[in-house]
Amino acid sequence: MKFAFITTLVFCCVGLANAADIQKGQALVEKGACTSCHGAGLNAPILPVYPRLAGQPADYLYYALHAYQVGGSNAKYGRNNAIMAGQVQPYSDQDLKDIAAYVSSLPGTLVIKK
């Protein structure tokens, strides 16, 4: 019983240590000038070819940002886009999680058809 409690406590603490920080994500988005292409609130792209990001699932956003970091070096995982690849290169894995959490928390007009 004591072992189970300690194990649970350790896993909870590890989860909290890796939790995304929405405020840090907001600062990183502002610093990165993401609204230059994705528009106000990351929900009004300046051109139709740019996606609406606000409100999309955090895990999807993280996956996409990380895939831009990987780029063409991995055809099964990477995404090729010179602009986005340049934008995400300086960020750590935790930064990408923070950005994804912030963007996901924004109200968006993205409609997912079922």
PDB file of N, CA and C in Angstrom:
ATOM      1  N   MET A   1       0.824  -1.189   0.000  1.00  0.00           N
ATOM      2  CA  MET A   1       0.000   0.000   0.000  1.00  0.00           C
ATOM      3  C   MET A   1       0.870   1.256   0.000  1.00  0.00           C
ATOM      4  N   LYS A   2       1.878   1.255   0.852  1.00  0.00           N
ATOM      5  CA  LYS A   2       2.764   2.405   0.936  1.00  0.00           C
ATOM      6  C   LYS A   2       3.507   2.597  -0.387  1.00  0.00           C
ATOM      7  N   PHE A   3       3.938   1.499  -1.008  1.00  0.00           N
ATOM      8  CA  PHE A   3       4.645   1.563  -2.290  1.00  0.00           C
ATOM      9  C   PHE A   3       3.744   2.172  -3.369  1.00  0.00           C
ATOM     10  N   ALA A   4       2.482   1.766  -3.388  1.00  0.00           N
ATOM     11  CA  ALA A   4       1.533   2.281  -4.381  1.00  0.00           C
ATOM     12  C   ALA A   4       1.335   3.790  -4.203  1.00  0.00           C
ATOM     13  N   PHE A   5       1.229   4.227  -2.963  1.00  0.00           N
ATOM     14  CA  PHE A   5       1.052   5.655  -2.688  1.00  0.00           C
ATOM     15  C   PHE A   5       2.262   6.456  -3.156  1.00  0.00           C
ATOM     16  N   ILE A   6       3.452   5.985  -2.832  1.00  0.00           N
ATOM     17  CA  ILE A   6       4.683   6.689  -3.225  1.00  0.00           C
ATOM     18  C   ILE A   6       4.827   6.709  -4.739  1.00  0.00           C
ATOM     19  N   THR A   7       4.532   5.602  -5.384  1.00  0.00           N
ATOM     20  CA  THR A   7       4.613   5.536  -6.845  1.00  0.00           C
ATOM     21  C   THR A   7       3.646   6.528  -7.479  1.00  0.00           C
ATOM     22  N   THR A   8       2.430   6.579  -6.982  1.00  0.00           N
ATOM     23  CA  THR A   8       1.436   7.525  -7.496  1.00  0.00           C
ATOM     24  C   THR A   8       1.899   8.957  -7.284  1.00  0.00           C
ATOM     25  N   LEU A   9       2.432   9.246  -6.129  1.00  0.00           N
ATOM     26  CA  LEU A   9       2.918  10.581  -5.821  1.00  0.00           C
ATOM     27  C   LEU A   9       4.045  10.988  -6.763  1.00  0.00           C
ATOM     28  N   VAL A  10       4.962  10.094  -7.025  1.00  0.00           N
ATOM     29  CA  VAL A  10       6.085  10.382  -7.933  1.00  0.00           C
ATOM     30  C   VAL A  10       5.573  10.678  -9.331  1.00  0.00           C
ATOM     31  N   PHE A  11       4.659   9.854  -9.830  1.00  0.00           N
ATOM     32  CA  PHE A  11       4.139  10.070 -11.180  1.00  0.00           C
ATOM     33  C   PHE A  11       3.359  11.369 -11.281  1.00  0.00           C
ATOM     34  N   CYS A  12       2.637  11.735 -10.241  1.00  0.00           N
ATOM     35  CA  CYS A  12       1.917  13.006 -10.242  1.00  0.00           C
ATOM     36  C   CYS A  12       2.888  14.180 -10.293  1.00  0.00           C
ATOM     37  N   CYS A  13       3.950  14.111  -9.526  1.00  0.00           N
ATOM     38  CA  CYS A  13       4.945  15.188  -9.506  1.00  0.00           C
ATOM     39  C   CYS A  13       5.655  15.304 -10.845  1.00  0.00           C
ATOM     40  N   VAL A  14       5.962  14.183 -11.461  1.00  0.00           N
ATOM     41  CA  VAL A  14       6.606  14.210 -12.780  1.00  0.00           C
ATOM     42  C   VAL A  14       5.670  14.857 -13.782  1.00  0.00           C
ATOM     43  N   GLY A  15       4.394  14.531 -13.720  1.00  0.00           N
ATOM     44  CA  GLY A  15       3.414  15.130 -14.626  1.00  0.00           C
ATOM     45  C   GLY A  15       3.311  16.629 -14.435  1.00  0.00           C
ATOM     46  N   LEU A  16       3.324  17.087 -13.191  1.00  0.00           N
ATOM     47  CA  LEU A  16       3.252  18.517 -12.920  1.00  0.00           C
ATOM     48  C   LEU A  16       4.513  19.236 -13.386  1.00  0.00           C
ATOM     49  N   ALA A  17       5.648  18.589 -13.287  1.00  0.00           N
ATOM     50  CA  ALA A  17       6.897  19.223 -13.708  1.00  0.00           C
ATOM     51  C   ALA A  17       6.923  19.437 -15.212  1.00  0.00           C
ATOM     52  N   ASN A  18       6.239  18.588 -15.957  1.00  0.00           N
ATOM     53  CA  ASN A  18       6.223  18.696 -17.414  1.00  0.00           C
ATOM     54  C   ASN A  18       4.960  19.367 -17.941  1.00  0.00           C
ATOM     55  N   ALA A  19       4.119  19.865 -17.056  1.00  0.00           N
ATOM     56  CA  ALA A  19       2.874  20.495 -17.480  1.00  0.00           C
ATOM     57  C   ALA A  19       3.170  21.750 -18.289  1.00  0.00           C
ATOM     58  N   ALA A  20       2.316  22.006 -19.261  1.00  0.00           N
ATOM     59  CA  ALA A  20       2.485  23.183 -20.109  1.00  0.00           C
ATOM     60  C   ALA A  20       2.091  24.442 -19.342  1.00  0.00           C
ATOM     61  N   ASP A  21       2.767  25.529 -19.645  1.00  0.00           N
ATOM     62  CA  ASP A  21       2.547  26.816 -19.002  1.00  0.00           C
ATOM     63  C   ASP A  21       1.918  27.763 -20.027  1.00  0.00           C
ATOM     64  N   ILE A  22       0.623  28.030 -19.871  1.00  0.00           N
ATOM     65  CA  ILE A  22      -0.105  28.854 -20.836  1.00  0.00           C
ATOM     66  C   ILE A  22       0.450  30.273 -20.885  1.00  0.00           C
ATOM     67  N   GLN A  23       0.806  30.837 -19.749  1.00  0.00           N
ATOM     68  CA  GLN A  23       1.347  32.212 -19.742  1.00  0.00           C
ATOM     69  C   GLN A  23       2.682  32.286 -20.468  1.00  0.00           C
ATOM     70  N   LYS A  24       3.529  31.288 -20.260  1.00  0.00           N
ATOM     71  CA  LYS A  24       4.801  31.256 -20.987  1.00  0.00           C
ATOM     72  C   LYS A  24       4.532  31.090 -22.476  1.00  0.00           C
ATOM     73  N   GLY A  25       3.559  30.265 -22.807  1.00  0.00           N
ATOM     74  CA  GLY A  25       3.183  30.076 -24.211  1.00  0.00           C
ATOM     75  C   GLY A  25       2.728  31.371 -24.846  1.00  0.00           C
ATOM     76  N   GLN A  26       1.957  32.156 -24.112  1.00  0.00           N
ATOM     77  CA  GLN A  26       1.496  33.450 -24.635  1.00  0.00           C
ATOM     78  C   GLN A  26       2.683  34.366 -24.917  1.00  0.00           C
ATOM     79  N   ALA A  27       3.627  34.414 -23.992  1.00  0.00           N
ATOM     80  CA  ALA A  27       4.815  35.256 -24.184  1.00  0.00           C
ATOM     81  C   ALA A  27       5.617  34.796 -25.405  1.00  0.00           C
ATOM     82  N   LEU A  28       5.739  33.493 -25.585  1.00  0.00           N
ATOM     83  CA  LEU A  28       6.482  32.967 -26.733  1.00  0.00           C
ATOM     84  C   LEU A  28       5.772  33.271 -28.048  1.00  0.00           C
ATOM     85  N   VAL A  29       4.452  33.190 -28.059  1.00  0.00           N
ATOM     86  CA  VAL A  29       3.681  33.510 -29.267  1.00  0.00           C
ATOM     87  C   VAL A  29       3.841  34.984 -29.613  1.00  0.00           C
ATOM     88  N   GLU A  30       3.786  35.839 -28.601  1.00  0.00           N
ATOM     89  CA  GLU A  30       3.958  37.275 -28.844  1.00  0.00           C
ATOM     90  C   GLU A  30       5.364  37.582 -29.335  1.00  0.00           C
ATOM     91  N   LYS A  31       6.347  36.961 -28.744  1.00  0.00           N
ATOM     92  CA  LYS A  31       7.734  37.156 -29.151  1.00  0.00           C
ATOM     93  C   LYS A  31       7.962  36.653 -30.576  1.00  0.00           C
ATOM     94  N   GLY A  32       7.334  35.544 -30.923  1.00  0.00           N
ATOM     95  CA  GLY A  32       7.504  34.943 -32.247  1.00  0.00           C
ATOM     96  C   GLY A  32       6.703  35.620 -33.340  1.00  0.00           C
ATOM     97  N   ALA A  33       5.877  36.584 -32.988  1.00  0.00           N
ATOM     98  CA  ALA A  33       5.077  37.333 -33.961  1.00  0.00           C
ATOM     99  C   ALA A  33       4.192  36.421 -34.805  1.00  0.00           C
ATOM    100  N   CYS A  34       3.592  35.432 -34.174  1.00  0.00           N
ATOM    101  CA  CYS A  34       2.743  34.463 -34.882  1.00  0.00           C
ATOM    102  C   CYS A  34       1.547  35.127 -35.559  1.00  0.00           C
ATOM    103  N   THR A  35       1.074  36.249 -34.961  1.00  0.00           N
ATOM    104  CA  THR A  35      -0.085  36.929 -35.532  1.00  0.00           C
ATOM    105  C   THR A  35       0.232  37.607 -36.860  1.00  0.00           C
ATOM    106  N   SER A  36       1.508  37.726 -37.188  1.00  0.00           N
ATOM    107  CA  SER A  36       1.873  38.327 -38.472  1.00  0.00           C
ATOM    108  C   SER A  36       1.264  37.566 -39.639  1.00  0.00           C
ATOM    109  N   CYS A  37       1.144  36.258 -39.507  1.00  0.00           N
ATOM    110  CA  CYS A  37       0.545  35.423 -40.566  1.00  0.00           C
ATOM    111  C   CYS A  37      -0.807  34.863 -40.157  1.00  0.00           C
ATOM    112  N   HIS A  38      -0.917  34.434 -38.895  1.00  0.00           N
ATOM    113  CA  HIS A  38      -2.130  33.751 -38.451  1.00  0.00           C
ATOM    114  C   HIS A  38      -3.199  34.711 -37.950  1.00  0.00           C
ATOM    115  N   GLY A  39      -2.895  36.011 -37.912  1.00  0.00           N
ATOM    116  CA  GLY A  39      -3.882  37.030 -37.608  1.00  0.00           C
ATOM    117  C   GLY A  39      -4.217  37.190 -36.142  1.00  0.00           C
ATOM    118  N   ALA A  40      -5.108  38.145 -35.900  1.00  0.00           N
ATOM    119  CA  ALA A  40      -5.524  38.484 -34.542  1.00  0.00           C
ATOM    120  C   ALA A  40      -6.092  37.266 -33.835  1.00  0.00           C
ATOM    121  N   GLY A  41      -5.636  37.041 -32.618  1.00  0.00           N
ATOM    122  CA  GLY A  41      -6.106  35.914 -31.840  1.00  0.00           C
ATOM    123  C   GLY A  41      -5.774  34.569 -32.453  1.00  0.00           C
ATOM    124  N   LEU A  42      -4.865  34.560 -33.430  1.00  0.00           N
ATOM    125  CA  LEU A  42      -4.479  33.360 -34.169  1.00  0.00           C
ATOM    126  C   LEU A  42      -5.701  32.688 -34.798  1.00  0.00           C
ATOM    127  N   ASN A  43      -6.690  33.535 -35.133  1.00  0.00           N
ATOM    128  CA  ASN A  43      -7.953  33.042 -35.668  1.00  0.00           C
ATOM    129  C   ASN A  43      -8.409  33.815 -36.902  1.00  0.00           C
ATOM    130  N   ALA A  44      -7.542  34.680 -37.435  1.00  0.00           N
ATOM    131  CA  ALA A  44      -7.900  35.491 -38.602  1.00  0.00           C
ATOM    132  C   ALA A  44      -6.694  35.598 -39.527  1.00  0.00           C
ATOM    133  N   PRO A  45      -6.353  34.509 -40.214  1.00  0.00           N
ATOM    134  CA  PRO A  45      -5.156  34.508 -41.059  1.00  0.00           C
ATOM    135  C   PRO A  45      -5.180  35.627 -42.094  1.00  0.00           C
ATOM    136  N   ILE A  46      -3.988  36.141 -42.404  1.00  0.00           N
ATOM    137  CA  ILE A  46      -3.913  37.232 -43.373  1.00  0.00           C
ATOM    138  C   ILE A  46      -4.145  36.744 -44.804  1.00  0.00           C
ATOM    139  N   LEU A  47      -3.950  35.468 -45.051  1.00  0.00           N
ATOM    140  CA  LEU A  47      -4.225  34.836 -46.342  1.00  0.00           C
ATOM    141  C   LEU A  47      -4.960  33.515 -46.088  1.00  0.00           C
ATOM    142  N   PRO A  48      -5.810  33.108 -47.017  1.00  0.00           N
ATOM    143  CA  PRO A  48      -6.553  31.857 -46.810  1.00  0.00           C
ATOM    144  C   PRO A  48      -5.680  30.605 -46.712  1.00  0.00           C
ATOM    145  N   VAL A  49      -4.447  30.676 -47.177  1.00  0.00           N
ATOM    146  CA  VAL A  49      -3.579  29.486 -47.119  1.00  0.00           C
ATOM    147  C   VAL A  49      -3.019  29.246 -45.727  1.00  0.00           C
ATOM    148  N   TYR A  50      -3.090  30.236 -44.838  1.00  0.00           N
ATOM    149  CA  TYR A  50      -2.608  30.071 -43.478  1.00  0.00           C
ATOM    150  C   TYR A  50      -3.742  29.529 -42.604  1.00  0.00           C
ATOM    151  N   PRO A  51      -3.470  28.564 -41.751  1.00  0.00           N
ATOM    152  CA  PRO A  51      -4.546  27.973 -40.943  1.00  0.00           C
ATOM    153  C   PRO A  51      -4.951  28.833 -39.749  1.00  0.00           C
ATOM    154  N   ARG A  52      -6.188  28.616 -39.338  1.00  0.00           N
ATOM    155  CA  ARG A  52      -6.676  29.167 -38.066  1.00  0.00           C
ATOM    156  C   ARG A  52      -6.147  28.236 -36.985  1.00  0.00           C
ATOM    157  N   LEU A  53      -5.466  28.777 -36.013  1.00  0.00           N
ATOM    158  CA  LEU A  53      -4.853  27.943 -34.989  1.00  0.00           C
ATOM    159  C   LEU A  53      -5.627  27.930 -33.681  1.00  0.00           C
ATOM    160  N   ALA A  54      -6.273  29.020 -33.363  1.00  0.00           N
ATOM    161  CA  ALA A  54      -6.948  29.156 -32.072  1.00  0.00           C
ATOM    162  C   ALA A  54      -7.950  28.035 -31.842  1.00  0.00           C
ATOM    163  N   GLY A  55      -7.866  27.442 -30.654  1.00  0.00           N
ATOM    164  CA  GLY A  55      -8.819  26.437 -30.249  1.00  0.00           C
ATOM    165  C   GLY A  55      -8.552  25.027 -30.736  1.00  0.00           C
ATOM    166  N   GLN A  56      -7.529  24.848 -31.563  1.00  0.00           N
ATOM    167  CA  GLN A  56      -7.222  23.490 -32.012  1.00  0.00           C
ATOM    168  C   GLN A  56      -6.637  22.700 -30.840  1.00  0.00           C
ATOM    169  N   PRO A  57      -6.761  21.374 -30.878  1.00  0.00           N
ATOM    170  CA  PRO A  57      -6.249  20.568 -29.771  1.00  0.00           C
ATOM    171  C   PRO A  57      -4.751  20.753 -29.539  1.00  0.00           C
ATOM    172  N   ALA A  58      -4.371  20.862 -28.280  1.00  0.00           N
ATOM    173  CA  ALA A  58      -2.964  21.112 -27.933  1.00  0.00           C
ATOM    174  C   ALA A  58      -2.042  20.013 -28.437  1.00  0.00           C
ATOM    175  N   ASP A  59      -2.488  18.761 -28.371  1.00  0.00           N
ATOM    176  CA  ASP A  59      -1.613  17.681 -28.830  1.00  0.00           C
ATOM    177  C   ASP A  59      -1.368  17.768 -30.335  1.00  0.00           C
ATOM    178  N   TYR A  60      -2.375  18.152 -31.101  1.00  0.00           N
ATOM    179  CA  TYR A  60      -2.202  18.337 -32.543  1.00  0.00           C
ATOM    180  C   TYR A  60      -1.239  19.493 -32.815  1.00  0.00           C
ATOM    181  N   LEU A  61      -1.425  20.612 -32.118  1.00  0.00           N
ATOM    182  CA  LEU A  61      -0.559  21.774 -32.330  1.00  0.00           C
ATOM    183  C   LEU A  61       0.892  21.448 -31.985  1.00  0.00           C
ATOM    184  N   TYR A  62       1.091  20.746 -30.870  1.00  0.00           N
ATOM    185  CA  TYR A  62       2.447  20.356 -30.494  1.00  0.00           C
ATOM    186  C   TYR A  62       3.065  19.460 -31.571  1.00  0.00           C
ATOM    187  N   TYR A  63       2.319  18.478 -32.023  1.00  0.00           N
ATOM    188  CA  TYR A  63       2.807  17.555 -33.050  1.00  0.00           C
ATOM    189  C   TYR A  63       3.209  18.326 -34.312  1.00  0.00           C
ATOM    190  N   ALA A  64       2.364  19.265 -34.732  1.00  0.00           N
ATOM    191  CA  ALA A  64       2.654  20.048 -35.939  1.00  0.00           C
ATOM    192  C   ALA A  64       3.904  20.905 -35.751  1.00  0.00           C
ATOM    193  N   LEU A  65       4.016  21.591 -34.615  1.00  0.00           N
ATOM    194  CA  LEU A  65       5.190  22.433 -34.374  1.00  0.00           C
ATOM    195  C   LEU A  65       6.464  21.597 -34.346  1.00  0.00           C
ATOM    196  N   HIS A  66       6.391  20.458 -33.687  1.00  0.00           N
ATOM    197  CA  HIS A  66       7.567  19.581 -33.619  1.00  0.00           C
ATOM    198  C   HIS A  66       7.917  19.041 -35.005  1.00  0.00           C
ATOM    199  N   ALA A  67       6.918  18.735 -35.803  1.00  0.00           N
ATOM    200  CA  ALA A  67       7.160  18.231 -37.156  1.00  0.00           C
ATOM    201  C   ALA A  67       7.849  19.290 -38.014  1.00  0.00           C
ATOM    202  N   TYR A  68       7.535  20.567 -37.801  1.00  0.00           N
ATOM    203  CA  TYR A  68       8.237  21.632 -38.520  1.00  0.00           C
ATOM    204  C   TYR A  68       9.699  21.702 -38.086  1.00  0.00           C
ATOM    205  N   GLN A  69       9.972  21.432 -36.814  1.00  0.00           N
ATOM    206  CA  GLN A  69      11.369  21.398 -36.360  1.00  0.00           C
ATOM    207  C   GLN A  69      12.137  20.278 -37.035  1.00  0.00           C
ATOM    208  N   VAL A  70      11.519  19.119 -37.154  1.00  0.00           N
ATOM    209  CA  VAL A  70      12.163  17.970 -37.779  1.00  0.00           C
ATOM    210  C   VAL A  70      12.371  18.240 -39.266  1.00  0.00           C
ATOM    211  N   GLY A  71      11.373  18.841 -39.898  1.00  0.00           N
ATOM    212  CA  GLY A  71      11.472  19.192 -41.309  1.00  0.00           C
ATOM    213  C   GLY A  71      11.593  17.995 -42.226  1.00  0.00           C
ATOM    214  N   GLY A  72      12.262  18.187 -43.340  1.00  0.00           N
ATOM    215  CA  GLY A  72      12.381  17.151 -44.352  1.00  0.00           C
ATOM    216  C   GLY A  72      13.351  16.045 -44.013  1.00  0.00           C
ATOM    217  N   SER A  73      14.004  16.121 -42.871  1.00  0.00           N
ATOM    218  CA  SER A  73      14.971  15.084 -42.518  1.00  0.00           C
ATOM    219  C   SER A  73      14.302  13.754 -42.193  1.00  0.00           C
ATOM    220  N   ASN A  74      13.001  13.769 -41.965  1.00  0.00           N
ATOM    221  CA  ASN A  74      12.256  12.548 -41.678  1.00  0.00           C
ATOM    222  C   ASN A  74      10.948  12.595 -42.461  1.00  0.00           C
ATOM    223  N   ALA A  75      10.914  11.912 -43.589  1.00  0.00           N
ATOM    224  CA  ALA A  75       9.759  11.976 -44.480  1.00  0.00           C
ATOM    225  C   ALA A  75       8.471  11.466 -43.839  1.00  0.00           C
ATOM    226  N   LYS A  76       8.557  10.567 -42.866  1.00  0.00           N
ATOM    227  CA  LYS A  76       7.362  10.033 -42.226  1.00  0.00           C
ATOM    228  C   LYS A  76       6.809  10.962 -41.150  1.00  0.00           C
ATOM    229  N   TYR A  77       7.640  11.842 -40.623  1.00  0.00           N
ATOM    230  CA  TYR A  77       7.216  12.651 -39.488  1.00  0.00           C
ATOM    231  C   TYR A  77       7.307  14.148 -39.756  1.00  0.00           C
ATOM    232  N   GLY A  78       8.296  14.572 -40.505  1.00  0.00           N
ATOM    233  CA  GLY A  78       8.554  15.996 -40.681  1.00  0.00           C
ATOM    234  C   GLY A  78       7.595  16.696 -41.621  1.00  0.00           C
ATOM    235  N   ARG A  79       7.562  18.008 -41.499  1.00  0.00           N
ATOM    236  CA  ARG A  79       6.775  18.861 -42.384  1.00  0.00           C
ATOM    237  C   ARG A  79       7.728  19.842 -43.045  1.00  0.00           C
ATOM    238  N   ASN A  80       7.536  20.054 -44.318  1.00  0.00           N
ATOM    239  CA  ASN A  80       8.383  20.983 -45.057  1.00  0.00           C
ATOM    240  C   ASN A  80       7.667  22.312 -45.258  1.00  0.00           C
ATOM    241  N   ASN A  81       8.147  23.325 -44.599  1.00  0.00           N
ATOM    242  CA  ASN A  81       7.683  24.690 -44.792  1.00  0.00           C
ATOM    243  C   ASN A  81       8.794  25.579 -44.272  1.00  0.00           C
ATOM    244  N   ALA A  82       9.440  26.281 -45.169  1.00  0.00           N
ATOM    245  CA  ALA A  82      10.617  27.066 -44.800  1.00  0.00           C
ATOM    246  C   ALA A  82      10.312  28.128 -43.748  1.00  0.00           C
ATOM    247  N   ILE A  83       9.167  28.771 -43.857  1.00  0.00           N
ATOM    248  CA  ILE A  83       8.826  29.830 -42.901  1.00  0.00           C
ATOM    249  C   ILE A  83       8.625  29.246 -41.508  1.00  0.00           C
ATOM    250  N   MET A  84       7.785  28.203 -41.416  1.00  0.00           N
ATOM    251  CA  MET A  84       7.517  27.606 -40.109  1.00  0.00           C
ATOM    252  C   MET A  84       8.756  26.921 -39.528  1.00  0.00           C
ATOM    253  N   ALA A  85       9.543  26.293 -40.365  1.00  0.00           N
ATOM    254  CA  ALA A  85      10.768  25.641 -39.874  1.00  0.00           C
ATOM    255  C   ALA A  85      11.679  26.667 -39.219  1.00  0.00           C
ATOM    256  N   GLY A  86      11.805  27.821 -39.840  1.00  0.00           N
ATOM    257  CA  GLY A  86      12.632  28.888 -39.272  1.00  0.00           C
ATOM    258  C   GLY A  86      12.055  29.454 -37.989  1.00  0.00           C
ATOM    259  N   GLN A  87      10.731  29.514 -37.914  1.00  0.00           N
ATOM    260  CA  GLN A  87      10.073  30.066 -36.734  1.00  0.00           C
ATOM    261  C   GLN A  87      10.249  29.182 -35.498  1.00  0.00           C
ATOM    262  N   VAL A  88      10.204  27.871 -35.663  1.00  0.00           N
ATOM    263  CA  VAL A  88      10.193  26.982 -34.504  1.00  0.00           C
ATOM    264  C   VAL A  88      11.566  26.459 -34.096  1.00  0.00           C
ATOM    265  N   GLN A  89      12.579  26.659 -34.899  1.00  0.00           N
ATOM    266  CA  GLN A  89      13.899  26.108 -34.587  1.00  0.00           C
ATOM    267  C   GLN A  89      14.457  26.512 -33.227  1.00  0.00           C
ATOM    268  N   PRO A  90      14.320  27.755 -32.797  1.00  0.00           N
ATOM    269  CA  PRO A  90      14.957  28.116 -31.510  1.00  0.00           C
ATOM    270  C   PRO A  90      14.241  27.590 -30.268  1.00  0.00           C
ATOM    271  N   TYR A  91      13.071  26.988 -30.426  1.00  0.00           N
ATOM    272  CA  TYR A  91      12.285  26.596 -29.254  1.00  0.00           C
ATOM    273  C   TYR A  91      12.617  25.192 -28.768  1.00  0.00           C
ATOM    274  N   SER A  92      12.578  25.036 -27.447  1.00  0.00           N
ATOM    275  CA  SER A  92      12.771  23.720 -26.833  1.00  0.00           C
ATOM    276  C   SER A  92      11.464  22.931 -26.925  1.00  0.00           C
ATOM    277  N   ASP A  93      11.536  21.667 -26.591  1.00  0.00           N
ATOM    278  CA  ASP A  93      10.351  20.814 -26.575  1.00  0.00           C
ATOM    279  C   ASP A  93       9.314  21.370 -25.605  1.00  0.00           C
ATOM    280  N   GLN A  94       9.749  21.829 -24.436  1.00  0.00           N
ATOM    281  CA  GLN A  94       8.822  22.404 -23.456  1.00  0.00           C
ATOM    282  C   GLN A  94       8.206  23.698 -23.983  1.00  0.00           C
ATOM    283  N   ASP A  95       8.996  24.507 -24.700  1.00  0.00           N
ATOM    284  CA  ASP A  95       8.453  25.725 -25.301  1.00  0.00           C
ATOM    285  C   ASP A  95       7.316  25.387 -26.262  1.00  0.00           C
ATOM    286  N   LEU A  96       7.511  24.359 -27.077  1.00  0.00           N
ATOM    287  CA  LEU A  96       6.484  23.957 -28.036  1.00  0.00           C
ATOM    288  C   LEU A  96       5.212  23.510 -27.307  1.00  0.00           C
ATOM    289  N   LYS A  97       5.368  22.816 -26.198  1.00  0.00           N
ATOM    290  CA  LYS A  97       4.210  22.392 -25.407  1.00  0.00           C
ATOM    291  C   LYS A  97       3.498  23.609 -24.813  1.00  0.00           C
ATOM    292  N   ASP A  98       4.260  24.584 -24.353  1.00  0.00           N
ATOM    293  CA  ASP A  98       3.678  25.804 -23.791  1.00  0.00           C
ATOM    294  C   ASP A  98       2.923  26.584 -24.867  1.00  0.00           C
ATOM    295  N   ILE A  99       3.513  26.709 -26.044  1.00  0.00           N
ATOM    296  CA  ILE A  99       2.862  27.401 -27.154  1.00  0.00           C
ATOM    297  C   ILE A  99       1.565  26.679 -27.515  1.00  0.00           C
ATOM    298  N   ALA A 100       1.634  25.370 -27.636  1.00  0.00           N
ATOM    299  CA  ALA A 100       0.453  24.583 -27.998  1.00  0.00           C
ATOM    300  C   ALA A 100      -0.662  24.743 -26.962  1.00  0.00           C
ATOM    301  N   ALA A 101      -0.305  24.749 -25.691  1.00  0.00           N
ATOM    302  CA  ALA A 101      -1.312  24.907 -24.631  1.00  0.00           C
ATOM    303  C   ALA A 101      -1.975  26.278 -24.714  1.00  0.00           C
ATOM    304  N   TYR A 102      -1.175  27.307 -24.951  1.00  0.00           N
ATOM    305  CA  TYR A 102      -1.738  28.661 -25.056  1.00  0.00           C
ATOM    306  C   TYR A 102      -2.667  28.780 -26.262  1.00  0.00           C
ATOM    307  N   VAL A 103      -2.199  28.354 -27.417  1.00  0.00           N
ATOM    308  CA  VAL A 103      -2.989  28.485 -28.648  1.00  0.00           C
ATOM    309  C   VAL A 103      -4.287  27.679 -28.523  1.00  0.00           C
ATOM    310  N   SER A 104      -4.197  26.523 -27.922  1.00  0.00           N
ATOM    311  CA  SER A 104      -5.373  25.681 -27.722  1.00  0.00           C
ATOM    312  C   SER A 104      -6.396  26.338 -26.798  1.00  0.00           C
ATOM    313  N   SER A 105      -5.919  27.153 -25.871  1.00  0.00           N
ATOM    314  CA  SER A 105      -6.816  27.803 -24.909  1.00  0.00           C
ATOM    315  C   SER A 105      -7.563  28.990 -25.505  1.00  0.00           C
ATOM    316  N   LEU A 106      -7.158  29.449 -26.672  1.00  0.00           N
ATOM    317  CA  LEU A 106      -7.798  30.604 -27.301  1.00  0.00           C
ATOM    318  C   LEU A 106      -9.148  30.218 -27.909  1.00  0.00           C
ATOM    319  N   PRO A 107     -10.103  31.139 -27.881  1.00  0.00           N
ATOM    320  CA  PRO A 107     -11.378  30.851 -28.548  1.00  0.00           C
ATOM    321  C   PRO A 107     -11.174  30.875 -30.059  1.00  0.00           C
ATOM    322  N   GLY A 108     -11.706  29.882 -30.720  1.00  0.00           N
ATOM    323  CA  GLY A 108     -11.533  29.807 -32.164  1.00  0.00           C
ATOM    324  C   GLY A 108     -12.822  29.509 -32.881  1.00  0.00           C
ATOM    325  N   THR A 109     -12.803  29.717 -34.176  1.00  0.00           N
ATOM    326  CA  THR A 109     -13.995  29.463 -34.995  1.00  0.00           C
ATOM    327  C   THR A 109     -13.808  28.237 -35.881  1.00  0.00           C
ATOM    328  N   LEU A 110     -12.771  27.476 -35.607  1.00  0.00           N
ATOM    329  CA  LEU A 110     -12.539  26.268 -36.380  1.00  0.00           C
ATOM    330  C   LEU A 110     -13.690  25.299 -36.157  1.00  0.00           C
ATOM    331  N   VAL A 111     -14.208  24.774 -37.262  1.00  0.00           N
ATOM    332  CA  VAL A 111     -15.307  23.826 -37.185  1.00  0.00           C
ATOM    333  C   VAL A 111     -14.797  22.469 -37.643  1.00  0.00           C
ATOM    334  N   ILE A 112     -15.010  21.467 -36.812  1.00  0.00           N
ATOM    335  CA  ILE A 112     -14.626  20.104 -37.168  1.00  0.00           C
ATOM    336  C   ILE A 112     -15.908  19.359 -37.500  1.00  0.00           C
ATOM    337  N   LYS A 113     -16.015  18.924 -38.745  1.00  0.00           N
ATOM    338  CA  LYS A 113     -17.211  18.190 -39.178  1.00  0.00           C
ATOM    339  C   LYS A 113     -17.088  16.739 -38.783  1.00  0.00           C
ATOM    340  N   LYS A 114     -18.180  16.181 -38.326  1.00  0.00           N
ATOM    341  CA  LYS A 114     -18.191  14.773 -37.917  1.00  0.00           C
ATOM    342  C   LYS A 114     -19.005  13.959 -38.892  1.00  0.00           C
TER     343      LYS A 114
END
